[in-house]
C-alpha atoms as a PDB file:
ATOM      1  CA  MET A   1     -15.648  44.151   9.197  1.00  0.00           C
ATOM      2  CA  LYS A   2     -17.075  44.389   5.682  1.00  0.00           C
ATOM      3  CA  LYS A   3     -13.609  45.330   4.365  1.00  0.00           C
ATOM      4  CA  VAL A   4     -12.068  42.231   5.928  1.00  0.00           C
ATOM      5  CA  ILE A   5     -14.741  39.979   4.426  1.00  0.00           C
ATOM      6  CA  CYS A   6     -14.323  41.613   1.002  1.00  0.00           C
ATOM      7  CA  ILE A   7     -10.560  41.128   1.169  1.00  0.00           C
ATOM      8  CA  ILE A   8     -10.964  37.460   2.118  1.00  0.00           C
ATOM      9  CA  ILE A   9     -13.459  36.869  -0.692  1.00  0.00           C
ATOM     10  CA  ALA A  10     -11.182  38.609  -3.201  1.00  0.00           C
ATOM     11  CA  PHE A  11      -8.202  36.553  -1.998  1.00  0.00           C
ATOM     12  CA  LEU A  12     -10.164  33.293  -2.313  1.00  0.00           C
ATOM     13  CA  TYR A  13     -11.427  34.294  -5.777  1.00  0.00           C
ATOM     14  CA  VAL A  14      -7.843  34.914  -6.958  1.00  0.00           C
ATOM     15  CA  GLN A  15      -6.695  31.580  -5.511  1.00  0.00           C
ATOM     16  CA  VAL A  16      -9.525  29.646  -7.190  1.00  0.00           C
ATOM     17  CA  SER A  17      -8.950  31.468 -10.492  1.00  0.00           C
ATOM     18  CA  GLN A  18      -5.237  30.626 -10.418  1.00  0.00           C
ATOM     19  CA  ALA A  19      -6.027  26.960  -9.685  1.00  0.00           C
ATOM     20  CA  GLN A  20      -8.523  26.843 -12.566  1.00  0.00           C
ATOM     21  CA  GLN A  21      -6.033  28.524 -14.895  1.00  0.00           C
ATOM     22  CA  LEU A  22      -3.366  26.015 -13.936  1.00  0.00           C
ATOM     23  CA  GLU A  23      -5.828  23.220 -14.572  1.00  0.00           C
ATOM     24  CA  ILE A  24      -6.648  24.572 -18.037  1.00  0.00           C
ATOM     25  CA  TYR A  25      -2.947  24.872 -18.848  1.00  0.00           C
ATOM     26  CA  LYS A  26      -2.321  21.291 -17.694  1.00  0.00           C
ATOM     27  CA  MET A  27      -5.344  19.969 -19.579  1.00  0.00           C
ATOM     28  CA  TYR A  28      -4.086  21.594 -22.786  1.00  0.00           C
ATOM     29  CA  GLU A  29      -0.691  19.915 -22.349  1.00  0.00           C
ATOM     30  CA  ILE A  30      -2.236  16.518 -21.592  1.00  0.00           C
ATOM     31  CA  LYS A  31      -4.514  16.719 -24.610  1.00  0.00           C
ATOM     32  CA  ILE A  32      -1.589  17.465 -26.947  1.00  0.00           C
ATOM     33  CA  LEU A  33       0.606  14.731 -25.490  1.00  0.00           C
ATOM     34  CA  SER A  34      -2.053  12.017 -25.391  1.00  0.00           C
ATOM     35  CA  LYS A  35      -2.869  12.647 -29.061  1.00  0.00           C
ATOM     36  CA  LEU A  36       0.837  12.418 -29.869  1.00  0.00           C
ATOM     37  CA  VAL A  37       1.117   9.065 -28.060  1.00  0.00           C
ATOM     38  CA  THR A  38      -1.868   7.673 -29.954  1.00  0.00           C
ATOM     39  CA  ASP A  39      -0.543   8.934 -33.298  1.00  0.00           C
ATOM     40  CA  VAL A  40       2.935   7.499 -32.687  1.00  0.00           C
ATOM     41  CA  THR A  41       1.879   4.096 -31.356  1.00  0.00           C
ATOM     42  CA  LYS A  42      -1.163   3.693 -33.630  1.00  0.00           C
ATOM     43  CA  ARG A  43      -2.928   2.029 -30.686  1.00  0.00           C
ATOM     44  CA  LYS A  44      -6.289   2.873 -29.205  1.00  0.00           C
ATOM     45  CA  ASN A  45      -5.170   2.486 -25.565  1.00  0.00           C
ATOM     46  CA  PRO A  46      -1.371   2.638 -25.522  1.00  0.00           C
ATOM     47  CA  LYS A  47       0.656   1.826 -22.417  1.00  0.00           C
ATOM     48  CA  VAL A  48       2.809   4.688 -21.146  1.00  0.00           C
ATOM     49  CA  TYR A  49       5.690   4.762 -18.679  1.00  0.00           C
ATOM     50  CA  PHE A  50       6.967   7.931 -16.957  1.00  0.00           C
ATOM     51  CA  ILE A  51      10.513   8.704 -15.835  1.00  0.00           C
ATOM     52  CA  GLY A  52      11.144  11.779 -13.687  1.00  0.00           C
ATOM     53  CA  LEU A  53       7.591  13.123 -13.513  1.00  0.00           C
ATOM     54  CA  ASP A  54       6.014  13.799 -10.146  1.00  0.00           C
ATOM     55  CA  ARG A  55       2.920  11.964  -8.908  1.00  0.00           C
ATOM     56  CA  GLU A  56       0.586  14.865  -9.658  1.00  0.00           C
ATOM     57  CA  GLU A  57       1.636  14.945 -13.314  1.00  0.00           C
ATOM     58  CA  ILE A  58       1.213  11.188 -13.679  1.00  0.00           C
ATOM     59  CA  ARG A  59      -2.168  11.325 -11.907  1.00  0.00           C
ATOM     60  CA  ALA A  60      -3.340  13.978 -14.381  1.00  0.00           C
ATOM     61  CA  PHE A  61      -2.504  11.672 -17.310  1.00  0.00           C
ATOM     62  CA  LYS A  62      -4.258   8.802 -15.587  1.00  0.00           C
ATOM     63  CA  ASN A  63      -7.401  10.814 -14.825  1.00  0.00           C
ATOM     64  CA  TYR A  64      -7.827  12.744 -18.075  1.00  0.00           C
ATOM     65  CA  THR A  65      -6.673  10.444 -20.880  1.00  0.00           C
ATOM     66  CA  HIS A  66      -7.308   7.047 -22.369  1.00  0.00           C
ATOM     67  CA  LEU A  67      -3.630   6.155 -21.865  1.00  0.00           C
ATOM     68  CA  LYS A  68      -2.824   3.137 -19.708  1.00  0.00           C
ATOM     69  CA  ILE A  69      -0.117   3.854 -17.134  1.00  0.00           C
ATOM     70  CA  THR A  70       2.364   1.020 -16.692  1.00  0.00           C
ATOM     71  CA  LEU A  71       4.870   0.471 -13.901  1.00  0.00           C
ATOM     72  CA  SER A  72       7.598  -0.904 -16.168  1.00  0.00           C
ATOM     73  CA  ALA A  73       9.410   0.485 -19.197  1.00  0.00           C
ATOM     74  CA  ASN A  74       9.432  -3.042 -20.645  1.00  0.00           C
ATOM     75  CA  ASP A  75       5.614  -3.119 -20.720  1.00  0.00           C
ATOM     76  CA  ALA A  76       5.261   0.366 -22.216  1.00  0.00           C
ATOM     77  CA  ASP A  77       4.521   1.343 -25.802  1.00  0.00           C
ATOM     78  CA  PHE A  78       5.689   4.908 -25.152  1.00  0.00           C
ATOM     79  CA  ILE A  79       7.876   6.635 -22.545  1.00  0.00           C
ATOM     80  CA  PHE A  80       7.876  10.213 -21.239  1.00  0.00           C
ATOM     81  CA  VAL A  81      10.983  11.599 -19.535  1.00  0.00           C
ATOM     82  CA  LYS A  82      11.644  14.698 -17.485  1.00  0.00           C
ATOM     83  CA  ASN A  83      14.533  15.912 -15.314  1.00  0.00           C
ATOM     84  CA  LEU A  84      16.961  13.235 -16.514  1.00  0.00           C
ATOM     85  CA  SER A  85      20.438  13.440 -15.026  1.00  0.00           C
ATOM     86  CA  SER A  86      22.018  10.302 -16.475  1.00  0.00           C
ATOM     87  CA  PRO A  87      21.994   8.641 -19.910  1.00  0.00           C
ATOM     88  CA  LEU A  88      18.862   6.743 -20.858  1.00  0.00           C
ATOM     89  CA  LYS A  89      19.112   3.764 -23.188  1.00  0.00           C
ATOM     90  CA  ILE A  90      15.682   2.515 -24.185  1.00  0.00           C
ATOM     91  CA  ASN A  91      14.678   1.222 -27.597  1.00  0.00           C
ATOM     92  CA  LYS A  92      11.110   2.525 -27.579  1.00  0.00           C
ATOM     93  CA  PRO A  93       9.554   5.851 -28.534  1.00  0.00           C
ATOM     94  CA  VAL A  94      10.777   8.291 -25.874  1.00  0.00           C
ATOM     95  CA  PHE A  95       9.597  11.883 -25.602  1.00  0.00           C
ATOM     96  CA  SER A  96      11.072  14.593 -23.379  1.00  0.00           C
ATOM     97  CA  LEU A  97       9.070  17.074 -21.353  1.00  0.00           C
ATOM     98  CA  ASP A  98      12.028  19.410 -20.839  1.00  0.00           C
ATOM     99  CA  PHE A  99      15.062  20.525 -22.830  1.00  0.00           C
ATOM    100  CA  LYS A 100      17.529  19.484 -20.111  1.00  0.00           C
ATOM    101  CA  SER A 101      16.669  15.804 -20.566  1.00  0.00           C
ATOM    102  CA  LEU A 102      17.618  15.858 -24.247  1.00  0.00           C
ATOM    103  CA  LYS A 103      21.282  15.908 -23.212  1.00  0.00           C
ATOM    104  CA  TYR A 104      20.819  12.459 -21.654  1.00  0.00           C
ATOM    105  CA  CYS A 105      18.314  10.982 -24.105  1.00  0.00           C
ATOM    106  CA  LYS A 106      19.726  10.226 -27.538  1.00  0.00           C
ATOM    107  CA  ASN A 107      16.553   8.357 -28.571  1.00  0.00           C
ATOM    108  CA  CYS A 108      14.127  11.130 -27.606  1.00  0.00           C
ATOM    109  CA  PHE A 109      12.261  11.891 -30.784  1.00  0.00           C
ATOM    110  CA  GLY A 110      11.080  15.279 -29.568  1.00  0.00           C
ATOM    111  CA  VAL A 111      10.355  17.680 -26.756  1.00  0.00           C
ATOM    112  CA  PHE A 112       7.332  19.465 -25.344  1.00  0.00           C
ATOM    113  CA  SER A 113       7.910  22.436 -23.083  1.00  0.00           C
ATOM    114  CA  TRP A 114       6.417  25.785 -22.163  1.00  0.00           C
ATOM    115  CA  ARG A 115       8.233  29.002 -23.101  1.00  0.00           C
ATOM    116  CA  ASN A 116       6.847  32.431 -22.251  1.00  0.00           C
ATOM    117  CA  GLY A 117       3.461  30.910 -21.468  1.00  0.00           C
ATOM    118  CA  ARG A 118       3.215  29.164 -24.832  1.00  0.00           C
ATOM    119  CA  PRO A 119       3.486  25.467 -25.599  1.00  0.00           C
ATOM    120  CA  MET A 120       6.457  24.361 -27.711  1.00  0.00           C
ATOM    121  CA  LEU A 121       6.327  21.052 -29.539  1.00  0.00           C
ATOM    122  CA  ILE A 122       9.403  20.008 -31.509  1.00  0.00           C
ATOM    123  CA  ILE A 123       9.822  16.642 -33.232  1.00  0.00           C
ATOM    124  CA  PHE A 124      13.242  15.598 -34.515  1.00  0.00           C
ATOM    125  CA  ARG A 125      13.310  14.500 -38.149  1.00  0.00           C
ATOM    126  CA  GLU A 126      16.399  12.301 -37.792  1.00  0.00           C
ATOM    127  CA  VAL A 127      15.041  10.358 -34.830  1.00  0.00           C
ATOM    128  CA  ILE A 128      11.539   9.720 -36.205  1.00  0.00           C
ATOM    129  CA  ASN A 129      13.117   8.520 -39.450  1.00  0.00           C
ATOM    130  CA  ALA A 130      15.494   6.194 -37.560  1.00  0.00           C
ATOM    131  CA  LEU A 131      12.641   4.821 -35.427  1.00  0.00           C
ATOM    132  CA  LYS A 132      10.379   4.573 -38.494  1.00  0.00           C
ATOM    133  CA  ILE A 133       7.685   6.687 -36.849  1.00  0.00           C
ATOM    134  CA  ASN A 134       5.100   7.895 -39.354  1.00  0.00           C
ATOM    135  CA  LEU A 135       3.062  10.849 -38.155  1.00  0.00           C
ATOM    136  CA  PRO A 136       0.010  12.479 -39.759  1.00  0.00           C
ATOM    137  CA  GLU A 137       0.634  15.610 -41.860  1.00  0.00           C
ATOM    138  CA  GLU A 138      -0.669  17.846 -39.073  1.00  0.00           C
ATOM    139  CA  TYR A 139       2.704  17.359 -37.327  1.00  0.00           C
ATOM    140  CA  ASP A 140       4.792  18.590 -40.283  1.00  0.00           C
ATOM    141  CA  TYR A 141       4.934  22.121 -38.860  1.00  0.00           C
ATOM    142  CA  PHE A 142       6.575  20.810 -35.671  1.00  0.00           C
ATOM    143  CA  ILE A 143       9.256  18.664 -37.326  1.00  0.00           C
ATOM    144  CA  ASP A 144      12.777  20.092 -37.420  1.00  0.00           C
ATOM    145  CA  SER A 145      16.352  18.881 -37.429  1.00  0.00           C
ATOM    146  CA  LYS A 146      17.782  17.967 -34.041  1.00  0.00           C
ATOM    147  CA  LYS A 147      21.111  19.599 -34.915  1.00  0.00           C
ATOM    148  CA  TYR A 148      19.470  23.032 -35.271  1.00  0.00           C
ATOM    149  CA  ILE A 149      17.581  22.765 -31.994  1.00  0.00           C
ATOM    150  CA  LEU A 150      20.425  21.481 -29.843  1.00  0.00           C
ATOM    151  CA  SER A 151      23.173  23.638 -31.331  1.00  0.00           C
ATOM    152  CA  GLY A 152      21.610  26.893 -30.055  1.00  0.00           C
END
């Protein structure tokens, strides 16, 4: 009986640890992205619209950031996209949360994704120049040419 209880406790401990780890990973992503939104829009409480994200992801942004979630792209200062499967034509700052969406989003000024357990932030020089987005120097390391990223 003691073995069964120990196994159950160990199983529950692993499950809770995995949930906490996932939460930490998500919090790290949200912190990076909310700072990016604020730095791009230069607004204290920018309005953000999401395309292709699931409810849990949107809820995390709503619960853990100062960003205001809007129900319309027209009302938004900034737009996040994920899992796009058709061309997107929006004349606002758009940021992709996966590489697949870049194929359908010509105005995406960058991408944030996870590779091998590490966050990848890439900002496209050509697009931020065209959109006249001025970012603080701390982003210089993450700026690269879109042609080098998408050609590979």
